[in-house]
Amino acid sequence: MSQVVVYTTPLCPYCWRAKRLLRAKGVAFEEIDLWRQPERRAEMEARSGRRTVPQVFLDDRHLGGCDDLLALEASGELDRLLAQAGLGRAPS
């Protein structure tokens, strides 16, 4: 089964927004809190090439940060990707 991973920090409003969007779509995700697991920051940077949070992955595909996720949502691409992966609710 496909997996969504979100690297976050607790005080980041962009992290909250990205997680809220995923939850609204019925997508379960693994959250990696970089405050609680700071040693995983290097992993996030290596996977994404970025230093900011959130960073969202669908399996090995980097979806990007919050703005990237919102752009995918606006274009309808997020629903397509999630449906392809068998995740989330079916679009109405």
PDB file of N, CA and C in Angstrom:
ATOM      1  N   MET A   1       0.834  -1.186   0.000  1.00  0.00           N
ATOM      2  CA  MET A   1       0.000   0.000   0.000  1.00  0.00           C
ATOM      3  C   MET A   1       0.879   1.250   0.000  1.00  0.00           C
ATOM      4  N   SER A   2       0.426   2.258  -0.666  1.00  0.00           N
ATOM      5  CA  SER A   2       1.160   3.515  -0.751  1.00  0.00           C
ATOM      6  C   SER A   2       1.150   4.232   0.592  1.00  0.00           C
ATOM      7  N   GLN A   3       2.137   5.090   0.760  1.00  0.00           N
ATOM      8  CA  GLN A   3       2.293   5.796   2.024  1.00  0.00           C
ATOM      9  C   GLN A   3       2.610   7.264   1.777  1.00  0.00           C
ATOM     10  N   VAL A   4       2.002   8.112   2.591  1.00  0.00           N
ATOM     11  CA  VAL A   4       2.310   9.536   2.579  1.00  0.00           C
ATOM     12  C   VAL A   4       3.104   9.835   3.846  1.00  0.00           C
ATOM     13  N   VAL A   5       4.203  10.563   3.683  1.00  0.00           N
ATOM     14  CA  VAL A   5       5.047  10.986   4.802  1.00  0.00           C
ATOM     15  C   VAL A   5       5.130  12.502   4.762  1.00  0.00           C
ATOM     16  N   VAL A   6       4.945  13.119   5.941  1.00  0.00           N
ATOM     17  CA  VAL A   6       5.020  14.568   6.056  1.00  0.00           C
ATOM     18  C   VAL A   6       6.025  14.911   7.145  1.00  0.00           C
ATOM     19  N   TYR A   7       7.072  15.627   6.775  1.00  0.00           N
ATOM     20  CA  TYR A   7       8.050  16.132   7.738  1.00  0.00           C
ATOM     21  C   TYR A   7       7.539  17.482   8.238  1.00  0.00           C
ATOM     22  N   THR A   8       7.476  17.658   9.557  1.00  0.00           N
ATOM     23  CA  THR A   8       6.880  18.856  10.141  1.00  0.00           C
ATOM     24  C   THR A   8       7.669  19.354  11.344  1.00  0.00           C
ATOM     25  N   THR A   9       7.247  20.521  11.819  1.00  0.00           N
ATOM     26  CA  THR A   9       7.582  21.011  13.151  1.00  0.00           C
ATOM     27  C   THR A   9       6.279  21.516  13.754  1.00  0.00           C
ATOM     28  N   PRO A  10       6.156  21.506  15.089  1.00  0.00           N
ATOM     29  CA  PRO A  10       4.865  21.797  15.696  1.00  0.00           C
ATOM     30  C   PRO A  10       4.379  23.243  15.591  1.00  0.00           C
ATOM     31  N   LEU A  11       5.251  24.199  15.436  1.00  0.00           N
ATOM     32  CA  LEU A  11       4.831  25.601  15.410  1.00  0.00           C
ATOM     33  C   LEU A  11       4.689  26.160  13.996  1.00  0.00           C
ATOM     34  N   CYS A  12       4.755  25.319  13.010  1.00  0.00           N
ATOM     35  CA  CYS A  12       4.732  25.747  11.610  1.00  0.00           C
ATOM     36  C   CYS A  12       3.298  25.793  11.078  1.00  0.00           C
ATOM     37  N   PRO A  13       2.782  26.988  10.767  1.00  0.00           N
ATOM     38  CA  PRO A  13       1.417  27.068  10.247  1.00  0.00           C
ATOM     39  C   PRO A  13       1.264  26.419   8.865  1.00  0.00           C
ATOM     40  N   TYR A  14       2.323  26.378   8.086  1.00  0.00           N
ATOM     41  CA  TYR A  14       2.269  25.720   6.783  1.00  0.00           C
ATOM     42  C   TYR A  14       2.124  24.209   6.959  1.00  0.00           C
ATOM     43  N   CYS A  15       2.756  23.677   7.989  1.00  0.00           N
ATOM     44  CA  CYS A  15       2.615  22.252   8.307  1.00  0.00           C
ATOM     45  C   CYS A  15       1.171  21.945   8.674  1.00  0.00           C
ATOM     46  N   TRP A  16       0.581  22.790   9.506  1.00  0.00           N
ATOM     47  CA  TRP A  16      -0.820  22.590   9.898  1.00  0.00           C
ATOM     48  C   TRP A  16      -1.719  22.594   8.672  1.00  0.00           C
ATOM     49  N   ARG A  17      -1.469  23.538   7.770  1.00  0.00           N
ATOM     50  CA  ARG A  17      -2.317  23.662   6.574  1.00  0.00           C
ATOM     51  C   ARG A  17      -2.191  22.434   5.674  1.00  0.00           C
ATOM     52  N   ALA A  18      -0.971  21.966   5.468  1.00  0.00           N
ATOM     53  CA  ALA A  18      -0.759  20.785   4.633  1.00  0.00           C
ATOM     54  C   ALA A  18      -1.425  19.556   5.260  1.00  0.00           C
ATOM     55  N   LYS A  19      -1.276  19.389   6.563  1.00  0.00           N
ATOM     56  CA  LYS A  19      -1.886  18.243   7.250  1.00  0.00           C
ATOM     57  C   LYS A  19      -3.407  18.343   7.210  1.00  0.00           C
ATOM     58  N   ARG A  20      -3.943  19.547   7.367  1.00  0.00           N
ATOM     59  CA  ARG A  20      -5.393  19.745   7.313  1.00  0.00           C
ATOM     60  C   ARG A  20      -5.942  19.341   5.934  1.00  0.00           C
ATOM     61  N   LEU A  21      -5.232  19.712   4.869  1.00  0.00           N
ATOM     62  CA  LEU A  21      -5.663  19.344   3.517  1.00  0.00           C
ATOM     63  C   LEU A  21      -5.663  17.824   3.353  1.00  0.00           C
ATOM     64  N   LEU A  22      -4.593  17.173   3.782  1.00  0.00           N
ATOM     65  CA  LEU A  22      -4.521  15.721   3.657  1.00  0.00           C
ATOM     66  C   LEU A  22      -5.624  15.032   4.454  1.00  0.00           C
ATOM     67  N   ARG A  23      -5.862  15.513   5.670  1.00  0.00           N
ATOM     68  CA  ARG A  23      -6.938  14.933   6.490  1.00  0.00           C
ATOM     69  C   ARG A  23      -8.297  15.135   5.834  1.00  0.00           C
ATOM     70  N   ALA A  24      -8.529  16.317   5.263  1.00  0.00           N
ATOM     71  CA  ALA A  24      -9.803  16.599   4.595  1.00  0.00           C
ATOM     72  C   ALA A  24     -10.028  15.655   3.423  1.00  0.00           C
ATOM     73  N   LYS A  25      -8.961  15.174   2.838  1.00  0.00           N
ATOM     74  CA  LYS A  25      -9.057  14.234   1.714  1.00  0.00           C
ATOM     75  C   LYS A  25      -9.108  12.789   2.189  1.00  0.00           C
ATOM     76  N   GLY A  26      -9.066  12.596   3.506  1.00  0.00           N
ATOM     77  CA  GLY A  26      -9.131  11.243   4.047  1.00  0.00           C
ATOM     78  C   GLY A  26      -7.841  10.472   3.912  1.00  0.00           C
ATOM     79  N   VAL A  27      -6.725  11.175   3.818  1.00  0.00           N
ATOM     80  CA  VAL A  27      -5.429  10.536   3.626  1.00  0.00           C
ATOM     81  C   VAL A  27      -4.737  10.343   4.974  1.00  0.00           C
ATOM     82  N   ALA A  28      -4.443   9.107   5.299  1.00  0.00           N
ATOM     83  CA  ALA A  28      -3.632   8.815   6.474  1.00  0.00           C
ATOM     84  C   ALA A  28      -2.178   9.082   6.104  1.00  0.00           C
ATOM     85  N   PHE A  29      -1.420   9.622   7.038  1.00  0.00           N
ATOM     86  CA  PHE A  29      -0.024   9.913   6.740  1.00  0.00           C
ATOM     87  C   PHE A  29       0.834   9.698   7.972  1.00  0.00           C
ATOM     88  N   GLU A  30       2.103   9.432   7.719  1.00  0.00           N
ATOM     89  CA  GLU A  30       3.090   9.347   8.787  1.00  0.00           C
ATOM     90  C   GLU A  30       3.667  10.742   8.959  1.00  0.00           C
ATOM     91  N   GLU A  31       3.591  11.261  10.174  1.00  0.00           N
ATOM     92  CA  GLU A  31       4.166  12.575  10.467  1.00  0.00           C
ATOM     93  C   GLU A  31       5.502  12.379  11.161  1.00  0.00           C
ATOM     94  N   ILE A  32       6.515  13.016  10.621  1.00  0.00           N
ATOM     95  CA  ILE A  32       7.835  12.995  11.246  1.00  0.00           C
ATOM     96  C   ILE A  32       8.081  14.387  11.811  1.00  0.00           C
ATOM     97  N   ASP A  33       7.988  14.495  13.136  1.00  0.00           N
ATOM     98  CA  ASP A  33       8.159  15.759  13.842  1.00  0.00           C
ATOM     99  C   ASP A  33       9.659  15.987  14.052  1.00  0.00           C
ATOM    100  N   LEU A  34      10.190  16.976  13.362  1.00  0.00           N
ATOM    101  CA  LEU A  34      11.634  17.219  13.417  1.00  0.00           C
ATOM    102  C   LEU A  34      12.083  17.852  14.732  1.00  0.00           C
ATOM    103  N   TRP A  35      11.158  18.333  15.533  1.00  0.00           N
ATOM    104  CA  TRP A  35      11.548  18.793  16.876  1.00  0.00           C
ATOM    105  C   TRP A  35      11.791  17.603  17.786  1.00  0.00           C
ATOM    106  N   ARG A  36      10.969  16.589  17.632  1.00  0.00           N
ATOM    107  CA  ARG A  36      11.128  15.385  18.456  1.00  0.00           C
ATOM    108  C   ARG A  36      12.194  14.449  17.906  1.00  0.00           C
ATOM    109  N   GLN A  37      12.428  14.521  16.610  1.00  0.00           N
ATOM    110  CA  GLN A  37      13.412  13.660  15.960  1.00  0.00           C
ATOM    111  C   GLN A  37      14.339  14.511  15.087  1.00  0.00           C
ATOM    112  N   PRO A  38      15.129  15.386  15.692  1.00  0.00           N
ATOM    113  CA  PRO A  38      15.969  16.293  14.897  1.00  0.00           C
ATOM    114  C   PRO A  38      16.975  15.566  14.010  1.00  0.00           C
ATOM    115  N   GLU A  39      17.324  14.357  14.362  1.00  0.00           N
ATOM    116  CA  GLU A  39      18.276  13.585  13.551  1.00  0.00           C
ATOM    117  C   GLU A  39      17.686  13.224  12.181  1.00  0.00           C
ATOM    118  N   ARG A  40      16.382  13.350  12.020  1.00  0.00           N
ATOM    119  CA  ARG A  40      15.736  13.009  10.741  1.00  0.00           C
ATOM    120  C   ARG A  40      15.736  14.181   9.755  1.00  0.00           C
ATOM    121  N   ARG A  41      16.173  15.370  10.212  1.00  0.00           N
ATOM    122  CA  ARG A  41      16.233  16.532   9.312  1.00  0.00           C
ATOM    123  C   ARG A  41      17.159  16.254   8.127  1.00  0.00           C
ATOM    124  N   ALA A  42      18.296  15.644   8.376  1.00  0.00           N
ATOM    125  CA  ALA A  42      19.231  15.325   7.289  1.00  0.00           C
ATOM    126  C   ALA A  42      18.573  14.385   6.277  1.00  0.00           C
ATOM    127  N   GLU A  43      17.786  13.453   6.755  1.00  0.00           N
ATOM    128  CA  GLU A  43      17.041  12.539   5.877  1.00  0.00           C
ATOM    129  C   GLU A  43      16.078  13.329   4.989  1.00  0.00           C
ATOM    130  N   MET A  44      15.329  14.270   5.603  1.00  0.00           N
ATOM    131  CA  MET A  44      14.387  15.087   4.850  1.00  0.00           C
ATOM    132  C   MET A  44      15.104  15.903   3.792  1.00  0.00           C
ATOM    133  N   GLU A  45      16.212  16.528   4.177  1.00  0.00           N
ATOM    134  CA  GLU A  45      16.963  17.354   3.231  1.00  0.00           C
ATOM    135  C   GLU A  45      17.517  16.519   2.084  1.00  0.00           C
ATOM    136  N   ALA A  46      17.994  15.329   2.388  1.00  0.00           N
ATOM    137  CA  ALA A  46      18.531  14.453   1.334  1.00  0.00           C
ATOM    138  C   ALA A  46      17.424  14.013   0.378  1.00  0.00           C
ATOM    139  N   ARG A  47      16.251  13.714   0.921  1.00  0.00           N
ATOM    140  CA  ARG A  47      15.135  13.261   0.074  1.00  0.00           C
ATOM    141  C   ARG A  47      14.550  14.378  -0.774  1.00  0.00           C
ATOM    142  N   SER A  48      14.458  15.588  -0.182  1.00  0.00           N
ATOM    143  CA  SER A  48      13.742  16.681  -0.853  1.00  0.00           C
ATOM    144  C   SER A  48      14.648  17.710  -1.511  1.00  0.00           C
ATOM    145  N   GLY A  49      15.878  17.824  -1.011  1.00  0.00           N
ATOM    146  CA  GLY A  49      16.750  18.892  -1.484  1.00  0.00           C
ATOM    147  C   GLY A  49      16.375  20.241  -0.888  1.00  0.00           C
ATOM    148  N   ARG A  50      15.518  20.223   0.120  1.00  0.00           N
ATOM    149  CA  ARG A  50      15.034  21.449   0.760  1.00  0.00           C
ATOM    150  C   ARG A  50      15.255  21.382   2.257  1.00  0.00           C
ATOM    151  N   ARG A  51      15.257  22.585   2.874  1.00  0.00           N
ATOM    152  CA  ARG A  51      15.483  22.668   4.317  1.00  0.00           C
ATOM    153  C   ARG A  51      14.236  23.060   5.091  1.00  0.00           C
ATOM    154  N   THR A  52      13.195  23.514   4.387  1.00  0.00           N
ATOM    155  CA  THR A  52      12.000  24.019   5.053  1.00  0.00           C
ATOM    156  C   THR A  52      10.961  22.920   5.248  1.00  0.00           C
ATOM    157  N   VAL A  53      10.079  23.145   6.201  1.00  0.00           N
ATOM    158  CA  VAL A  53       8.959  22.238   6.435  1.00  0.00           C
ATOM    159  C   VAL A  53       7.669  22.958   6.095  1.00  0.00           C
ATOM    160  N   PRO A  54       6.648  22.219   5.734  1.00  0.00           N
ATOM    161  CA  PRO A  54       6.600  20.770   5.596  1.00  0.00           C
ATOM    162  C   PRO A  54       7.220  20.308   4.291  1.00  0.00           C
ATOM    163  N   GLN A  55       7.576  19.058   4.263  1.00  0.00           N
ATOM    164  CA  GLN A  55       7.947  18.377   3.030  1.00  0.00           C
ATOM    165  C   GLN A  55       7.092  17.121   2.965  1.00  0.00           C
ATOM    166  N   VAL A  56       6.398  16.946   1.855  1.00  0.00           N
ATOM    167  CA  VAL A  56       5.408  15.884   1.712  1.00  0.00           C
ATOM    168  C   VAL A  56       5.859  14.913   0.623  1.00  0.00           C
ATOM    169  N   PHE A  57       5.757  13.631   0.940  1.00  0.00           N
ATOM    170  CA  PHE A  57       6.132  12.574   0.012  1.00  0.00           C
ATOM    171  C   PHE A  57       4.982  11.593  -0.152  1.00  0.00           C
ATOM    172  N   LEU A  58       4.774  11.155  -1.365  1.00  0.00           N
ATOM    173  CA  LEU A  58       3.867  10.057  -1.678  1.00  0.00           C
ATOM    174  C   LEU A  58       4.751   8.925  -2.164  1.00  0.00           C
ATOM    175  N   ASP A  59       4.916   7.931  -1.328  1.00  0.00           N
ATOM    176  CA  ASP A  59       5.910   6.881  -1.559  1.00  0.00           C
ATOM    177  C   ASP A  59       7.267   7.566  -1.754  1.00  0.00           C
ATOM    178  N   ASP A  60       7.938   7.354  -2.871  1.00  0.00           N
ATOM    179  CA  ASP A  60       9.239   7.992  -3.101  1.00  0.00           C
ATOM    180  C   ASP A  60       9.124   9.298  -3.875  1.00  0.00           C
ATOM    181  N   ARG A  61       7.905   9.695  -4.212  1.00  0.00           N
ATOM    182  CA  ARG A  61       7.703  10.919  -4.988  1.00  0.00           C
ATOM    183  C   ARG A  61       7.581  12.118  -4.045  1.00  0.00           C
ATOM    184  N   HIS A  62       8.423  13.105  -4.265  1.00  0.00           N
ATOM    185  CA  HIS A  62       8.384  14.334  -3.484  1.00  0.00           C
ATOM    186  C   HIS A  62       7.296  15.240  -4.040  1.00  0.00           C
ATOM    187  N   LEU A  63       6.265  15.499  -3.238  1.00  0.00           N
ATOM    188  CA  LEU A  63       5.191  16.389  -3.661  1.00  0.00           C
ATOM    189  C   LEU A  63       5.525  17.847  -3.367  1.00  0.00           C
ATOM    190  N   GLY A  64       6.449  18.081  -2.449  1.00  0.00           N
ATOM    191  CA  GLY A  64       6.884  19.441  -2.145  1.00  0.00           C
ATOM    192  C   GLY A  64       6.420  19.905  -0.779  1.00  0.00           C
ATOM    193  N   GLY A  65       6.422  21.216  -0.638  1.00  0.00           N
ATOM    194  CA  GLY A  65       5.980  21.846   0.595  1.00  0.00           C
ATOM    195  C   GLY A  65       4.510  22.213   0.523  1.00  0.00           C
ATOM    196  N   CYS A  66       4.075  23.052   1.435  1.00  0.00           N
ATOM    197  CA  CYS A  66       2.668  23.437   1.511  1.00  0.00           C
ATOM    198  C   CYS A  66       2.193  24.115   0.224  1.00  0.00           C
ATOM    199  N   ASP A  67       2.935  25.095  -0.257  1.00  0.00           N
ATOM    200  CA  ASP A  67       2.529  25.798  -1.479  1.00  0.00           C
ATOM    201  C   ASP A  67       2.428  24.839  -2.657  1.00  0.00           C
ATOM    202  N   ASP A  68       3.366  23.906  -2.743  1.00  0.00           N
ATOM    203  CA  ASP A  68       3.335  22.909  -3.824  1.00  0.00           C
ATOM    204  C   ASP A  68       2.103  22.023  -3.711  1.00  0.00           C
ATOM    205  N   LEU A  69       1.800  21.606  -2.486  1.00  0.00           N
ATOM    206  CA  LEU A  69       0.631  20.762  -2.249  1.00  0.00           C
ATOM    207  C   LEU A  69      -0.655  21.499  -2.615  1.00  0.00           C
ATOM    208  N   LEU A  70      -0.740  22.773  -2.237  1.00  0.00           N
ATOM    209  CA  LEU A  70      -1.921  23.574  -2.569  1.00  0.00           C
ATOM    210  C   LEU A  70      -2.049  23.784  -4.080  1.00  0.00           C
ATOM    211  N   ALA A  71      -0.932  23.927  -4.760  1.00  0.00           N
ATOM    212  CA  ALA A  71      -0.966  24.065  -6.221  1.00  0.00           C
ATOM    213  C   ALA A  71      -1.444  22.767  -6.869  1.00  0.00           C
ATOM    214  N   LEU A  72      -0.990  21.624  -6.356  1.00  0.00           N
ATOM    215  CA  LEU A  72      -1.471  20.339  -6.859  1.00  0.00           C
ATOM    216  C   LEU A  72      -2.974  20.207  -6.637  1.00  0.00           C
ATOM    217  N   GLU A  73      -3.434  20.664  -5.495  1.00  0.00           N
ATOM    218  CA  GLU A  73      -4.862  20.627  -5.186  1.00  0.00           C
ATOM    219  C   GLU A  73      -5.645  21.516  -6.147  1.00  0.00           C
ATOM    220  N   ALA A  74      -5.166  22.727  -6.376  1.00  0.00           N
ATOM    221  CA  ALA A  74      -5.858  23.682  -7.249  1.00  0.00           C
ATOM    222  C   ALA A  74      -5.961  23.170  -8.682  1.00  0.00           C
ATOM    223  N   SER A  75      -4.960  22.433  -9.123  1.00  0.00           N
ATOM    224  CA  SER A  75      -4.956  21.921 -10.496  1.00  0.00           C
ATOM    225  C   SER A  75      -5.717  20.607 -10.649  1.00  0.00           C
ATOM    226  N   GLY A  76      -6.106  19.996  -9.524  1.00  0.00           N
ATOM    227  CA  GLY A  76      -6.765  18.690  -9.568  1.00  0.00           C
ATOM    228  C   GLY A  76      -5.797  17.527  -9.593  1.00  0.00           C
ATOM    229  N   GLU A  77      -4.515  17.827  -9.678  1.00  0.00           N
ATOM    230  CA  GLU A  77      -3.488  16.786  -9.768  1.00  0.00           C
ATOM    231  C   GLU A  77      -3.357  15.987  -8.473  1.00  0.00           C
ATOM    232  N   LEU A  78      -3.580  16.632  -7.332  1.00  0.00           N
ATOM    233  CA  LEU A  78      -3.452  15.923  -6.055  1.00  0.00           C
ATOM    234  C   LEU A  78      -4.453  14.775  -5.988  1.00  0.00           C
ATOM    235  N   ASP A  79      -5.699  15.033  -6.365  1.00  0.00           N
ATOM    236  CA  ASP A  79      -6.711  13.971  -6.354  1.00  0.00           C
ATOM    237  C   ASP A  79      -6.313  12.826  -7.279  1.00  0.00           C
ATOM    238  N   ARG A  80      -5.765  13.155  -8.441  1.00  0.00           N
ATOM    239  CA  ARG A  80      -5.346  12.125  -9.389  1.00  0.00           C
ATOM    240  C   ARG A  80      -4.232  11.264  -8.811  1.00  0.00           C
ATOM    241  N   LEU A  81      -3.237  11.927  -8.208  1.00  0.00           N
ATOM    242  CA  LEU A  81      -2.112  11.192  -7.623  1.00  0.00           C
ATOM    243  C   LEU A  81      -2.571  10.299  -6.478  1.00  0.00           C
ATOM    244  N   LEU A  82      -3.435  10.833  -5.625  1.00  0.00           N
ATOM    245  CA  LEU A  82      -3.930  10.050  -4.494  1.00  0.00           C
ATOM    246  C   LEU A  82      -4.774   8.872  -4.970  1.00  0.00           C
ATOM    247  N   ALA A  83      -5.617   9.110  -5.968  1.00  0.00           N
ATOM    248  CA  ALA A  83      -6.450   8.028  -6.504  1.00  0.00           C
ATOM    249  C   ALA A  83      -5.584   6.937  -7.130  1.00  0.00           C
ATOM    250  N   GLN A  84      -4.555   7.339  -7.861  1.00  0.00           N
ATOM    251  CA  GLN A  84      -3.622   6.374  -8.473  1.00  0.00           C
ATOM    252  C   GLN A  84      -2.972   5.509  -7.413  1.00  0.00           C
ATOM    253  N   ALA A  85      -2.685   6.126  -6.246  1.00  0.00           N
ATOM    254  CA  ALA A  85      -2.028   5.409  -5.168  1.00  0.00           C
ATOM    255  C   ALA A  85      -3.029   4.650  -4.286  1.00  0.00           C
ATOM    256  N   GLY A  86      -4.325   4.801  -4.565  1.00  0.00           N
ATOM    257  CA  GLY A  86      -5.342   4.116  -3.778  1.00  0.00           C
ATOM    258  C   GLY A  86      -5.554   4.752  -2.416  1.00  0.00           C
ATOM    259  N   LEU A  87      -5.300   6.057  -2.318  1.00  0.00           N
ATOM    260  CA  LEU A  87      -5.412   6.772  -1.040  1.00  0.00           C
ATOM    261  C   LEU A  87      -6.521   7.804  -1.087  1.00  0.00           C
ATOM    262  N   GLY A  88      -7.025   8.133   0.095  1.00  0.00           N
ATOM    263  CA  GLY A  88      -7.996   9.215   0.202  1.00  0.00           C
ATOM    264  C   GLY A  88      -9.387   8.783  -0.207  1.00  0.00           C
ATOM    265  N   ARG A  89     -10.255   9.752  -0.190  1.00  0.00           N
ATOM    266  CA  ARG A  89     -11.644   9.550  -0.602  1.00  0.00           C
ATOM    267  C   ARG A  89     -11.749   9.732  -2.105  1.00  0.00           C
ATOM    268  N   ALA A  90     -12.698   9.050  -2.697  1.00  0.00           N
ATOM    269  CA  ALA A  90     -12.953   9.242  -4.120  1.00  0.00           C
ATOM    270  C   ALA A  90     -13.489  10.643  -4.347  1.00  0.00           C
ATOM    271  N   PRO A  91     -12.990  11.358  -5.350  1.00  0.00           N
ATOM    272  CA  PRO A  91     -13.507  12.700  -5.622  1.00  0.00           C
ATOM    273  C   PRO A  91     -14.995  12.640  -5.944  1.00  0.00           C
ATOM    274  N   SER A  92     -15.725  13.642  -5.458  1.00  0.00           N
ATOM    275  CA  SER A  92     -17.176  13.661  -5.688  1.00  0.00           C
ATOM    276  C   SER A  92     -17.531  14.381  -6.965  1.00  0.00           C
TER     277      SER A  92
END
